């Protein structure tokens, strides 16, 4: 691969993480699950991608998220948040708040609309990102940072590109059936190792993958056990309110195609996307597309209601992003055109509008009618 060369400090940090992972492999009889490898690569204290000190978002990072493109994204979400707050409580909880841009835009818009937010709680695992958030949000005293999910929460929950970064298990179909792909060390390099799938993994295959028996030999895909566990905990946490999960992915019947035989695992390093999770661990993001059917079922089984499933375009247009754009005078080309281009990227089917989806789960609240009109829950 032709990718940017890391700095000497970044290389040293990656090498330290590689030694840590290798030691973990050795302590587990020479192999660990891919989920364990991904957990260490992303979250090992001080060395993992999200727990280390490297910049991750924006032009100097590895990828750009929707809130970074335009304040219109947060302003549109604020309109929906206000409707849920009116039915529940004046609280917002955000998972993985990035640079703090979404929180800033949400709170700014809600303040301008006269909607009081008593508490804005952020659950953030990255120390570097938490520092950036604290600086960005210094003028909002109601913001607090949590190390874990509360036991109960009433209000609005947001998670933008949170599910895709949760560790996944990898499985492969061979002539004998489904096998787990574990990670081992061979000749100083991390490599995959096929091992018999546990009864738990086989049960996940049965539940998660429609017509799994018909998939071809050699088919590789992901099992989303950690994300399903997160959705179940989230569902139990919500007392009265709604959670909005934005991410890229598909419902189950669009996820497991014959043509997607290598799975959806992807890595992001300085705005380059590639499929090798063993490239400089700790310096790159590792993600998998979200199986939204599995997420919806996990939340539903834990007592939440699936309130909606939409593409990002339908959600933002239903939330009134078009009217928000027109608050900038189209005659002022210097101000209007950059926002119009950003909105186009957010809603265009050729950009983020179709690939990104929104799953909404909750209890005892209703979505605004323009959002309900765009619902695609029947596709789950």
Foldseek 3Di string as FASTA:
>chain_A
DDDDDDDPVLLVLLVVLLVVVQVVCVVVVFWAFQLVVLCSLAAVACRHQQAHADQAEDLQHFYHFLLNQDLLVLLLVLLQQLQQCVQKNLEEEEEACALLSSVLSNVVNCVVVVHDRQAYEYAGRYPNSVVSNCVSCVVPVRYDYDPDADQADIGEYEYEAPQFQRGWWKWFQAPVGIWTWIWGADPRFIDTDTDRDDPVVVVQCVPQAPPPVPADHGAMEIRRPVLLVVLLSVLSHYDFGKYKYKFFAAARVVQDDNVCRVYFKWKTASHDIDRDCRPSRRRIGITHHDHVNSSQVSSVVNPKHFQFKAFQQQSSVLSPSVVVLVVDPVVVVVPNVSNVVSVCQRCPPVHRRHRMMMTMIGPDHHTPPSSVVRGDVVRD
